[in-house]
Amino acid sequence: MRKRIVIIQGHPDREAVHFGHALAQAYSQSAQEAGHEVRHISVAALDFPLLRSKEERDRQPCPVSLRPAQQNIHWADHIVILFQLWLGSMPALLKGFMEQVFRPDFAITPAEPGKLWKKLLKGKSARIVVTMGMPALVYRWFYRAHSLKSLERNILVFSGIAPVRASLVGTVEADASKREKWLDKMRMLGGAAK
């Protein structure tokens, strides 16, 4: 079945020279070759303010510069988010993007007293791709993959996106054959829109 896919590149560097960019390109190209429609969001290319209070989040509209990102997420059946681990978490720019984009009335309907919130992004799936210098097993088992779990549980699933799958790409400075295996894996996932 043909899917609409949005790929969110969370690397804050505007230069597309990092392994995460190559992974996104491999996924995108394979998805398009398989007949899926793909759109891209590069967080580094966007200009937006950071939220500094609950009042800003709840009372100010999403910045005009981020409305196309909201439209693309709303349009998509499947969302792919790529980022590299920085200080054990996602880069601050990507976190700021998520805070601005996944606002009340876009991602959820705020709860009324005595009721639960309504998840507004149901029917979408996601894949999170995290690159890192350390071995992926160390991140998953020693550090408990806390930033991955936070993004998955507190943003994506909270707003109705499920299932959410993850690819942890460790030791990105590894030899070329290991990097090529990861590119092949992304091509396979892109073709299957998973």
N, C-alpha and C. Protein backbone atom coordinates (compact mmCIF):
# COMPACT_ATOMS: atom_id res chain seq x y z
N MET A 1 0.83 -1.18 0.00
CA MET A 1 0.00 0.00 0.00
C MET A 1 0.88 1.26 0.00
N ARG A 2 0.55 2.18 -0.86
CA ARG A 2 1.31 3.42 -0.99
C ARG A 2 1.08 4.30 0.23
N LYS A 3 2.17 4.86 0.78
CA LYS A 3 2.06 5.71 1.97
C LYS A 3 2.61 7.10 1.70
N ARG A 4 2.15 8.03 2.51
CA ARG A 4 2.69 9.39 2.52
C ARG A 4 3.64 9.47 3.71
N ILE A 5 4.88 9.83 3.43
CA ILE A 5 5.94 9.81 4.45
C ILE A 5 6.53 11.21 4.59
N VAL A 6 6.71 11.66 5.82
CA VAL A 6 7.47 12.87 6.06
C VAL A 6 8.72 12.48 6.85
N ILE A 7 9.86 12.95 6.37
CA ILE A 7 11.14 12.68 7.03
C ILE A 7 11.60 13.98 7.70
N ILE A 8 11.76 13.91 9.02
CA ILE A 8 12.20 15.07 9.80
C ILE A 8 13.67 14.86 10.14
N GLN A 9 14.52 15.66 9.51
CA GLN A 9 15.96 15.59 9.77
C GLN A 9 16.26 16.53 10.94
N GLY A 10 16.62 15.95 12.08
CA GLY A 10 16.81 16.71 13.30
C GLY A 10 18.21 17.20 13.56
N HIS A 11 19.14 16.98 12.63
CA HIS A 11 20.51 17.46 12.85
C HIS A 11 20.53 18.98 12.74
N PRO A 12 21.11 19.68 13.71
CA PRO A 12 21.09 21.15 13.68
C PRO A 12 22.07 21.78 12.69
N ASP A 13 22.96 21.00 12.11
CA ASP A 13 23.92 21.52 11.14
C ASP A 13 23.24 21.62 9.78
N ARG A 14 23.30 22.79 9.17
CA ARG A 14 22.66 22.99 7.86
C ARG A 14 23.39 22.25 6.74
N GLU A 15 24.63 21.91 6.97
CA GLU A 15 25.39 21.16 5.97
C GLU A 15 24.99 19.69 6.04
N ALA A 16 24.58 19.13 4.93
CA ALA A 16 24.10 17.74 4.89
C ALA A 16 25.27 16.79 4.67
N VAL A 17 26.22 16.78 5.61
CA VAL A 17 27.43 15.99 5.44
C VAL A 17 27.56 14.88 6.48
N HIS A 18 26.56 14.70 7.30
CA HIS A 18 26.64 13.75 8.40
C HIS A 18 26.00 12.42 8.02
N PHE A 19 26.34 11.38 8.75
CA PHE A 19 25.83 10.05 8.43
C PHE A 19 24.31 10.00 8.52
N GLY A 20 23.74 10.74 9.45
CA GLY A 20 22.28 10.81 9.55
C GLY A 20 21.62 11.33 8.28
N HIS A 21 22.30 12.24 7.60
CA HIS A 21 21.77 12.73 6.32
C HIS A 21 21.82 11.62 5.26
N ALA A 22 22.88 10.85 5.26
CA ALA A 22 22.98 9.73 4.30
C ALA A 22 21.91 8.69 4.60
N LEU A 23 21.65 8.43 5.87
CA LEU A 23 20.59 7.48 6.23
C LEU A 23 19.22 7.98 5.76
N ALA A 24 18.96 9.26 5.95
CA ALA A 24 17.68 9.84 5.50
C ALA A 24 17.55 9.75 3.99
N GLN A 25 18.64 10.04 3.28
CA GLN A 25 18.61 9.97 1.82
C GLN A 25 18.36 8.55 1.33
N ALA A 26 19.00 7.58 1.96
CA ALA A 26 18.80 6.17 1.57
C ALA A 26 17.35 5.76 1.80
N TYR A 27 16.79 6.14 2.93
CA TYR A 27 15.39 5.82 3.25
C TYR A 27 14.46 6.47 2.22
N SER A 28 14.68 7.76 1.98
CA SER A 28 13.82 8.53 1.08
C SER A 28 13.85 7.99 -0.35
N GLN A 29 15.04 7.76 -0.85
CA GLN A 29 15.17 7.29 -2.24
C GLN A 29 14.48 5.94 -2.42
N SER A 30 14.69 5.03 -1.50
CA SER A 30 14.07 3.71 -1.60
C SER A 30 12.55 3.81 -1.48
N ALA A 31 12.07 4.67 -0.60
CA ALA A 31 10.62 4.85 -0.44
C ALA A 31 10.00 5.37 -1.73
N GLN A 32 10.65 6.35 -2.34
CA GLN A 32 10.12 6.90 -3.59
C GLN A 32 10.16 5.87 -4.72
N GLU A 33 11.22 5.09 -4.78
CA GLU A 33 11.31 4.05 -5.80
C GLU A 33 10.22 3.00 -5.62
N ALA A 34 9.76 2.80 -4.39
CA ALA A 34 8.70 1.83 -4.10
C ALA A 34 7.30 2.43 -4.31
N GLY A 35 7.24 3.71 -4.70
CA GLY A 35 5.96 4.34 -4.99
C GLY A 35 5.36 5.16 -3.87
N HIS A 36 6.09 5.31 -2.76
CA HIS A 36 5.59 6.13 -1.66
C HIS A 36 5.88 7.60 -1.95
N GLU A 37 5.04 8.47 -1.43
CA GLU A 37 5.24 9.91 -1.59
C GLU A 37 6.01 10.41 -0.36
N VAL A 38 7.07 11.18 -0.59
CA VAL A 38 7.95 11.59 0.51
C VAL A 38 8.11 13.11 0.52
N ARG A 39 8.00 13.67 1.70
CA ARG A 39 8.31 15.08 1.94
C ARG A 39 9.38 15.16 3.02
N HIS A 40 10.12 16.27 3.02
CA HIS A 40 11.24 16.43 3.96
C HIS A 40 11.08 17.70 4.79
N ILE A 41 11.49 17.62 6.04
CA ILE A 41 11.59 18.78 6.92
C ILE A 41 13.01 18.77 7.47
N SER A 42 13.76 19.83 7.21
CA SER A 42 15.10 19.98 7.79
C SER A 42 15.00 21.01 8.91
N VAL A 43 15.10 20.55 10.13
CA VAL A 43 14.96 21.44 11.28
C VAL A 43 16.03 22.54 11.25
N ALA A 44 17.22 22.23 10.78
CA ALA A 44 18.30 23.21 10.73
C ALA A 44 17.98 24.38 9.80
N ALA A 45 17.14 24.17 8.82
CA ALA A 45 16.81 25.22 7.85
C ALA A 45 15.68 26.14 8.32
N LEU A 46 15.08 25.82 9.45
CA LEU A 46 13.93 26.58 9.94
C LEU A 46 14.34 27.64 10.94
N ASP A 47 13.63 28.75 10.92
CA ASP A 47 13.87 29.83 11.88
C ASP A 47 12.64 29.95 12.76
N PHE A 48 12.81 29.72 14.05
CA PHE A 48 11.68 29.79 14.97
C PHE A 48 12.19 30.10 16.37
N PRO A 49 11.35 30.74 17.18
CA PRO A 49 11.74 31.03 18.56
C PRO A 49 11.53 29.81 19.45
N LEU A 50 12.26 29.76 20.53
CA LEU A 50 12.05 28.72 21.52
C LEU A 50 10.92 29.14 22.45
N LEU A 51 10.15 28.18 22.92
CA LEU A 51 9.11 28.46 23.90
C LEU A 51 9.76 28.67 25.26
N ARG A 52 9.28 29.67 25.98
CA ARG A 52 9.87 29.98 27.27
C ARG A 52 8.89 29.89 28.42
N SER A 53 7.61 29.63 28.11
CA SER A 53 6.63 29.52 29.19
C SER A 53 5.42 28.72 28.72
N LYS A 54 4.67 28.22 29.68
CA LYS A 54 3.42 27.51 29.37
C LYS A 54 2.44 28.45 28.67
N GLU A 55 2.44 29.71 29.08
CA GLU A 55 1.54 30.69 28.47
C GLU A 55 1.85 30.87 26.99
N GLU A 56 3.13 30.93 26.63
CA GLU A 56 3.49 31.03 25.22
C GLU A 56 2.97 29.83 24.45
N ARG A 57 3.15 28.65 25.00
CA ARG A 57 2.70 27.43 24.33
C ARG A 57 1.19 27.39 24.17
N ASP A 58 0.49 27.75 25.23
CA ASP A 58 -0.97 27.61 25.23
C ASP A 58 -1.70 28.77 24.56
N ARG A 59 -1.10 29.96 24.54
CA ARG A 59 -1.85 31.13 24.08
C ARG A 59 -1.35 31.74 22.78
N GLN A 60 -0.14 31.45 22.40
CA GLN A 60 0.37 32.00 21.15
C GLN A 60 0.25 30.95 20.06
N PRO A 61 -0.04 31.38 18.84
CA PRO A 61 -0.14 30.40 17.75
C PRO A 61 1.24 29.86 17.37
N CYS A 62 1.23 28.75 16.71
CA CYS A 62 2.47 28.19 16.16
C CYS A 62 3.09 29.22 15.23
N PRO A 63 4.41 29.43 15.29
CA PRO A 63 5.04 30.39 14.39
C PRO A 63 4.74 30.06 12.92
N VAL A 64 4.59 31.10 12.13
CA VAL A 64 4.29 30.94 10.71
C VAL A 64 5.33 30.06 10.03
N SER A 65 6.59 30.17 10.43
CA SER A 65 7.66 29.39 9.80
C SER A 65 7.50 27.88 10.03
N LEU A 66 6.72 27.48 11.04
CA LEU A 66 6.55 26.06 11.35
C LEU A 66 5.20 25.49 10.90
N ARG A 67 4.34 26.32 10.39
CA ARG A 67 3.04 25.81 9.94
C ARG A 67 3.16 24.81 8.79
N PRO A 68 4.07 25.01 7.83
CA PRO A 68 4.24 23.96 6.81
C PRO A 68 4.68 22.62 7.41
N ALA A 69 5.48 22.65 8.46
CA ALA A 69 5.89 21.41 9.13
C ALA A 69 4.67 20.73 9.73
N GLN A 70 3.81 21.50 10.39
CA GLN A 70 2.58 20.92 10.93
C GLN A 70 1.72 20.33 9.82
N GLN A 71 1.61 21.04 8.71
CA GLN A 71 0.80 20.54 7.58
C GLN A 71 1.38 19.24 7.04
N ASN A 72 2.70 19.16 6.93
CA ASN A 72 3.33 17.93 6.43
C ASN A 72 3.13 16.76 7.40
N ILE A 73 3.22 17.02 8.69
CA ILE A 73 2.99 15.96 9.68
C ILE A 73 1.54 15.52 9.63
N HIS A 74 0.64 16.46 9.52
CA HIS A 74 -0.78 16.12 9.44
C HIS A 74 -1.07 15.31 8.18
N TRP A 75 -0.44 15.65 7.07
CA TRP A 75 -0.61 14.98 5.77
C TRP A 75 -0.09 13.54 5.80
N ALA A 76 0.97 13.29 6.56
CA ALA A 76 1.70 12.01 6.50
C ALA A 76 0.94 10.86 7.15
N ASP A 77 1.16 9.67 6.59
CA ASP A 77 0.74 8.42 7.22
C ASP A 77 1.85 7.90 8.14
N HIS A 78 3.10 8.21 7.76
CA HIS A 78 4.26 7.67 8.47
C HIS A 78 5.28 8.80 8.64
N ILE A 79 5.83 8.91 9.84
CA ILE A 79 6.78 9.97 10.19
C ILE A 79 8.11 9.33 10.55
N VAL A 80 9.18 9.81 9.92
CA VAL A 80 10.53 9.33 10.23
C VAL A 80 11.29 10.51 10.84
N ILE A 81 11.83 10.31 12.03
CA ILE A 81 12.58 11.35 12.72
C ILE A 81 14.00 10.86 12.92
N LEU A 82 14.96 11.60 12.41
CA LEU A 82 16.37 11.24 12.55
C LEU A 82 17.08 12.30 13.38
N PHE A 83 17.90 11.85 14.33
CA PHE A 83 18.75 12.77 15.07
C PHE A 83 19.96 12.02 15.60
N GLN A 84 21.00 12.77 15.91
CA GLN A 84 22.19 12.20 16.52
C GLN A 84 22.16 12.52 18.00
N LEU A 85 22.68 11.62 18.77
CA LEU A 85 22.70 11.78 20.22
C LEU A 85 23.71 12.87 20.58
N TRP A 86 23.25 13.89 21.27
CA TRP A 86 24.11 14.96 21.76
C TRP A 86 23.91 15.05 23.26
N LEU A 87 24.97 14.91 24.02
CA LEU A 87 24.90 14.97 25.48
C LEU A 87 23.81 14.05 26.01
N GLY A 88 23.67 12.89 25.38
CA GLY A 88 22.73 11.88 25.84
C GLY A 88 21.29 12.08 25.42
N SER A 89 21.02 13.08 24.58
CA SER A 89 19.64 13.36 24.20
C SER A 89 19.59 13.89 22.77
N MET A 90 18.38 14.27 22.35
CA MET A 90 18.25 14.88 21.03
C MET A 90 18.82 16.29 21.09
N PRO A 91 19.28 16.83 19.96
CA PRO A 91 19.79 18.20 19.95
C PRO A 91 18.71 19.20 20.40
N ALA A 92 19.13 20.26 21.04
CA ALA A 92 18.20 21.26 21.58
C ALA A 92 17.31 21.85 20.48
N LEU A 93 17.85 22.04 19.29
CA LEU A 93 17.05 22.61 18.20
C LEU A 93 15.88 21.69 17.84
N LEU A 94 16.12 20.39 17.80
CA LEU A 94 15.03 19.45 17.52
C LEU A 94 14.01 19.46 18.65
N LYS A 95 14.47 19.52 19.89
CA LYS A 95 13.54 19.58 21.03
C LYS A 95 12.69 20.84 20.95
N GLY A 96 13.31 21.97 20.61
CA GLY A 96 12.56 23.21 20.45
C GLY A 96 11.54 23.12 19.33
N PHE A 97 11.91 22.46 18.24
CA PHE A 97 10.98 22.23 17.12
C PHE A 97 9.79 21.42 17.58
N MET A 98 10.05 20.33 18.30
CA MET A 98 8.96 19.47 18.78
C MET A 98 8.03 20.24 19.72
N GLU A 99 8.60 21.04 20.60
CA GLU A 99 7.78 21.82 21.53
C GLU A 99 6.87 22.79 20.78
N GLN A 100 7.39 23.41 19.73
CA GLN A 100 6.59 24.36 18.96
C GLN A 100 5.53 23.66 18.12
N VAL A 101 5.90 22.58 17.45
CA VAL A 101 5.01 21.93 16.49
C VAL A 101 3.93 21.09 17.17
N PHE A 102 4.31 20.29 18.16
CA PHE A 102 3.36 19.37 18.81
C PHE A 102 2.63 20.09 19.95
N ARG A 103 1.89 21.10 19.59
CA ARG A 103 1.17 21.94 20.55
C ARG A 103 -0.24 21.41 20.80
N PRO A 104 -0.85 21.90 21.88
CA PRO A 104 -2.27 21.63 22.05
C PRO A 104 -3.05 22.13 20.83
N ASP A 105 -4.08 21.42 20.48
CA ASP A 105 -4.94 21.68 19.32
C ASP A 105 -4.30 21.27 17.99
N PHE A 106 -3.05 20.84 18.00
CA PHE A 106 -2.47 20.17 16.84
C PHE A 106 -2.24 18.70 17.15
N ALA A 107 -1.56 18.44 18.25
CA ALA A 107 -1.24 17.06 18.63
C ALA A 107 -2.28 16.46 19.57
N ILE A 108 -2.81 17.28 20.44
CA ILE A 108 -3.82 16.82 21.41
C ILE A 108 -4.86 17.92 21.61
N THR A 109 -6.02 17.51 22.08
CA THR A 109 -7.00 18.47 22.58
C THR A 109 -6.83 18.49 24.09
N PRO A 110 -6.55 19.64 24.67
CA PRO A 110 -6.34 19.68 26.12
C PRO A 110 -7.51 19.07 26.88
N ALA A 111 -7.18 18.43 27.97
CA ALA A 111 -8.19 17.74 28.78
C ALA A 111 -9.07 18.75 29.51
N GLU A 112 -10.34 18.43 29.54
CA GLU A 112 -11.26 19.20 30.37
C GLU A 112 -11.20 18.60 31.77
N PRO A 113 -11.61 19.35 32.77
CA PRO A 113 -11.57 18.81 34.13
C PRO A 113 -12.31 17.46 34.22
N GLY A 114 -11.62 16.47 34.76
CA GLY A 114 -12.21 15.15 34.94
C GLY A 114 -12.19 14.27 33.70
N LYS A 115 -11.59 14.75 32.60
CA LYS A 115 -11.55 13.97 31.36
C LYS A 115 -10.11 13.84 30.87
N LEU A 116 -9.89 12.89 29.97
CA LEU A 116 -8.58 12.72 29.35
C LEU A 116 -8.49 13.57 28.09
N TRP A 117 -7.27 13.84 27.66
CA TRP A 117 -7.03 14.57 26.42
C TRP A 117 -7.43 13.70 25.23
N LYS A 118 -7.66 14.34 24.09
CA LYS A 118 -7.96 13.63 22.86
C LYS A 118 -6.71 13.65 21.99
N LYS A 119 -6.30 12.48 21.53
CA LYS A 119 -5.11 12.34 20.69
C LYS A 119 -5.49 12.67 19.25
N LEU A 120 -4.88 13.70 18.67
CA LEU A 120 -5.27 14.19 17.35
C LEU A 120 -4.46 13.61 16.20
N LEU A 121 -3.42 12.84 16.48
CA LEU A 121 -2.58 12.30 15.40
C LEU A 121 -2.70 10.79 15.28
N LYS A 122 -3.85 10.26 15.65
CA LYS A 122 -4.08 8.81 15.52
C LYS A 122 -4.06 8.41 14.05
N GLY A 123 -3.70 7.14 13.82
CA GLY A 123 -3.66 6.61 12.46
C GLY A 123 -2.32 6.79 11.77
N LYS A 124 -1.35 7.37 12.47
CA LYS A 124 -0.01 7.56 11.91
C LYS A 124 0.96 6.63 12.63
N SER A 125 1.99 6.23 11.92
CA SER A 125 3.06 5.44 12.52
C SER A 125 4.34 6.26 12.46
N ALA A 126 5.38 5.80 13.15
CA ALA A 126 6.64 6.55 13.15
C ALA A 126 7.83 5.61 13.30
N ARG A 127 8.96 6.09 12.81
CA ARG A 127 10.25 5.45 13.04
C ARG A 127 11.19 6.54 13.52
N ILE A 128 11.90 6.25 14.61
CA ILE A 128 12.92 7.15 15.14
C ILE A 128 14.27 6.52 14.85
N VAL A 129 15.16 7.28 14.22
CA VAL A 129 16.51 6.80 13.91
C VAL A 129 17.49 7.67 14.69
N VAL A 130 18.24 7.04 15.59
CA VAL A 130 19.18 7.76 16.45
C VAL A 130 20.59 7.28 16.13
N THR A 131 21.47 8.21 15.75
CA THR A 131 22.87 7.87 15.53
C THR A 131 23.68 8.30 16.75
N MET A 132 24.78 7.57 16.99
CA MET A 132 25.59 7.86 18.17
C MET A 132 27.00 7.29 18.01
N GLY A 133 27.93 7.85 18.74
CA GLY A 133 29.29 7.35 18.72
C GLY A 133 29.47 6.07 19.52
N MET A 134 28.72 5.93 20.60
CA MET A 134 28.84 4.74 21.46
C MET A 134 28.12 3.55 20.83
N PRO A 135 28.41 2.35 21.27
CA PRO A 135 27.65 1.19 20.80
C PRO A 135 26.18 1.31 21.20
N ALA A 136 25.30 0.94 20.30
CA ALA A 136 23.86 1.06 20.55
C ALA A 136 23.42 0.28 21.79
N LEU A 137 24.04 -0.88 22.03
CA LEU A 137 23.67 -1.67 23.21
C LEU A 137 23.96 -0.93 24.51
N VAL A 138 25.04 -0.16 24.55
CA VAL A 138 25.37 0.62 25.74
C VAL A 138 24.28 1.67 25.97
N TYR A 139 23.88 2.35 24.90
CA TYR A 139 22.82 3.36 25.01
C TYR A 139 21.51 2.72 25.47
N ARG A 140 21.16 1.60 24.88
CA ARG A 140 19.87 0.97 25.19
C ARG A 140 19.86 0.40 26.61
N TRP A 141 20.91 -0.30 27.02
CA TRP A 141 20.87 -1.03 28.30
C TRP A 141 21.48 -0.27 29.46
N PHE A 142 22.58 0.43 29.25
CA PHE A 142 23.19 1.17 30.36
C PHE A 142 22.48 2.50 30.59
N TYR A 143 22.26 3.24 29.50
CA TYR A 143 21.59 4.54 29.62
C TYR A 143 20.07 4.45 29.50
N ARG A 144 19.57 3.25 29.26
CA ARG A 144 18.13 2.98 29.19
C ARG A 144 17.41 3.73 28.07
N ALA A 145 18.16 4.20 27.07
CA ALA A 145 17.59 4.87 25.90
C ALA A 145 16.58 5.96 26.29
N HIS A 146 16.95 6.73 27.31
CA HIS A 146 15.99 7.68 27.88
C HIS A 146 15.47 8.72 26.90
N SER A 147 16.32 9.27 26.04
CA SER A 147 15.83 10.29 25.10
C SER A 147 14.92 9.68 24.04
N LEU A 148 15.23 8.48 23.62
CA LEU A 148 14.36 7.76 22.68
C LEU A 148 13.00 7.51 23.32
N LYS A 149 13.00 7.02 24.55
CA LYS A 149 11.74 6.74 25.25
C LYS A 149 10.94 8.01 25.48
N SER A 150 11.61 9.09 25.79
CA SER A 150 10.92 10.35 26.02
C SER A 150 10.21 10.83 24.76
N LEU A 151 10.91 10.81 23.63
CA LEU A 151 10.29 11.21 22.36
C LEU A 151 9.13 10.29 22.01
N GLU A 152 9.36 8.99 22.14
CA GLU A 152 8.33 8.01 21.79
C GLU A 152 7.10 8.16 22.68
N ARG A 153 7.30 8.08 23.96
CA ARG A 153 6.19 8.01 24.91
C ARG A 153 5.54 9.37 25.17
N ASN A 154 6.36 10.40 25.37
CA ASN A 154 5.85 11.68 25.84
C ASN A 154 5.42 12.63 24.73
N ILE A 155 5.79 12.34 23.49
CA ILE A 155 5.38 13.21 22.38
C ILE A 155 4.58 12.41 21.36
N LEU A 156 5.16 11.37 20.80
CA LEU A 156 4.51 10.67 19.69
C LEU A 156 3.29 9.86 20.14
N VAL A 157 3.49 8.91 21.04
CA VAL A 157 2.36 8.08 21.50
C VAL A 157 1.34 8.94 22.24
N PHE A 158 1.80 9.92 22.99
CA PHE A 158 0.91 10.82 23.72
C PHE A 158 -0.07 11.52 22.78
N SER A 159 0.38 11.80 21.54
CA SER A 159 -0.48 12.47 20.57
C SER A 159 -1.20 11.50 19.64
N GLY A 160 -1.03 10.18 19.85
CA GLY A 160 -1.78 9.19 19.10
C GLY A 160 -1.00 8.43 18.05
N ILE A 161 0.27 8.77 17.85
CA ILE A 161 1.07 8.11 16.82
C ILE A 161 1.52 6.75 17.33
N ALA A 162 1.15 5.71 16.60
CA ALA A 162 1.52 4.34 16.98
C ALA A 162 1.25 3.42 15.79
N PRO A 163 2.09 2.43 15.59
CA PRO A 163 3.26 2.09 16.41
C PRO A 163 4.42 3.03 16.13
N VAL A 164 5.32 3.09 17.10
CA VAL A 164 6.57 3.83 16.96
C VAL A 164 7.70 2.81 17.05
N ARG A 165 8.50 2.75 16.01
CA ARG A 165 9.64 1.82 15.98
C ARG A 165 10.94 2.63 16.01
N ALA A 166 12.02 1.97 16.41
CA ALA A 166 13.29 2.68 16.53
C ALA A 166 14.42 1.91 15.88
N SER A 167 15.36 2.67 15.34
CA SER A 167 16.63 2.14 14.83
C SER A 167 17.74 2.89 15.55
N LEU A 168 18.54 2.18 16.33
CA LEU A 168 19.66 2.77 17.04
C LEU A 168 20.94 2.44 16.29
N VAL A 169 21.59 3.46 15.76
CA VAL A 169 22.78 3.29 14.93
C VAL A 169 23.99 3.69 15.75
N GLY A 170 24.66 2.71 16.34
CA GLY A 170 25.82 2.97 17.19
C GLY A 170 27.12 2.93 16.43
N THR A 171 28.15 3.44 17.08
CA THR A 171 29.52 3.50 16.54
C THR A 171 29.53 3.97 15.08
N VAL A 172 28.98 5.18 14.87
CA VAL A 172 28.86 5.70 13.50
C VAL A 172 30.20 5.95 12.83
N GLU A 173 31.26 6.01 13.61
CA GLU A 173 32.59 6.16 13.00
C GLU A 173 33.18 4.81 12.62
N ALA A 174 32.36 3.78 12.63
CA ALA A 174 32.82 2.42 12.32
C ALA A 174 33.31 2.33 10.87
N ASP A 175 33.82 1.16 10.53
CA ASP A 175 34.34 0.99 9.18
C ASP A 175 33.22 1.09 8.15
N ALA A 176 33.63 1.28 6.91
CA ALA A 176 32.69 1.53 5.81
C ALA A 176 31.69 0.39 5.62
N SER A 177 32.09 -0.84 5.87
CA SER A 177 31.17 -1.96 5.65
C SER A 177 30.00 -1.92 6.64
N LYS A 178 30.26 -1.52 7.88
CA LYS A 178 29.16 -1.40 8.85
C LYS A 178 28.23 -0.25 8.49
N ARG A 179 28.80 0.83 8.02
CA ARG A 179 27.97 1.96 7.59
C ARG A 179 27.12 1.58 6.39
N GLU A 180 27.69 0.83 5.48
CA GLU A 180 26.93 0.39 4.31
C GLU A 180 25.78 -0.53 4.71
N LYS A 181 26.00 -1.37 5.71
CA LYS A 181 24.91 -2.23 6.21
C LYS A 181 23.77 -1.39 6.75
N TRP A 182 24.09 -0.30 7.44
CA TRP A 182 23.03 0.58 7.94
C TRP A 182 22.31 1.29 6.81
N LEU A 183 23.03 1.69 5.79
CA LEU A 183 22.38 2.31 4.63
C LEU A 183 21.45 1.31 3.95
N ASP A 184 21.90 0.07 3.83
CA ASP A 184 21.04 -0.99 3.26
C ASP A 184 19.79 -1.19 4.11
N LYS A 185 19.95 -1.16 5.42
CA LYS A 185 18.80 -1.32 6.32
C LYS A 185 17.80 -0.19 6.12
N MET A 186 18.30 1.04 5.98
CA MET A 186 17.41 2.18 5.75
C MET A 186 16.71 2.07 4.39
N ARG A 187 17.42 1.57 3.40
CA ARG A 187 16.79 1.36 2.09
C ARG A 187 15.65 0.35 2.20
N MET A 188 15.88 -0.72 2.94
CA MET A 188 14.85 -1.74 3.13
C MET A 188 13.65 -1.15 3.87
N LEU A 189 13.91 -0.40 4.93
CA LEU A 189 12.82 0.21 5.70
C LEU A 189 12.07 1.25 4.87
N GLY A 190 12.79 2.03 4.08
CA GLY A 190 12.15 3.02 3.23
C GLY A 190 11.24 2.39 2.19
N GLY A 191 11.71 1.34 1.54
CA GLY A 191 10.89 0.66 0.55
C GLY A 191 9.62 0.09 1.14
N ALA A 192 9.70 -0.36 2.39
CA ALA A 192 8.54 -0.93 3.07
C ALA A 192 7.73 0.13 3.83
N ALA A 193 8.20 1.37 3.83
CA ALA A 193 7.55 2.46 4.58
C ALA A 193 7.35 2.08 6.04
N LYS A 194 8.40 1.56 6.65
CA LYS A 194 8.35 1.16 8.07
C LYS A 194 9.28 2.02 8.90
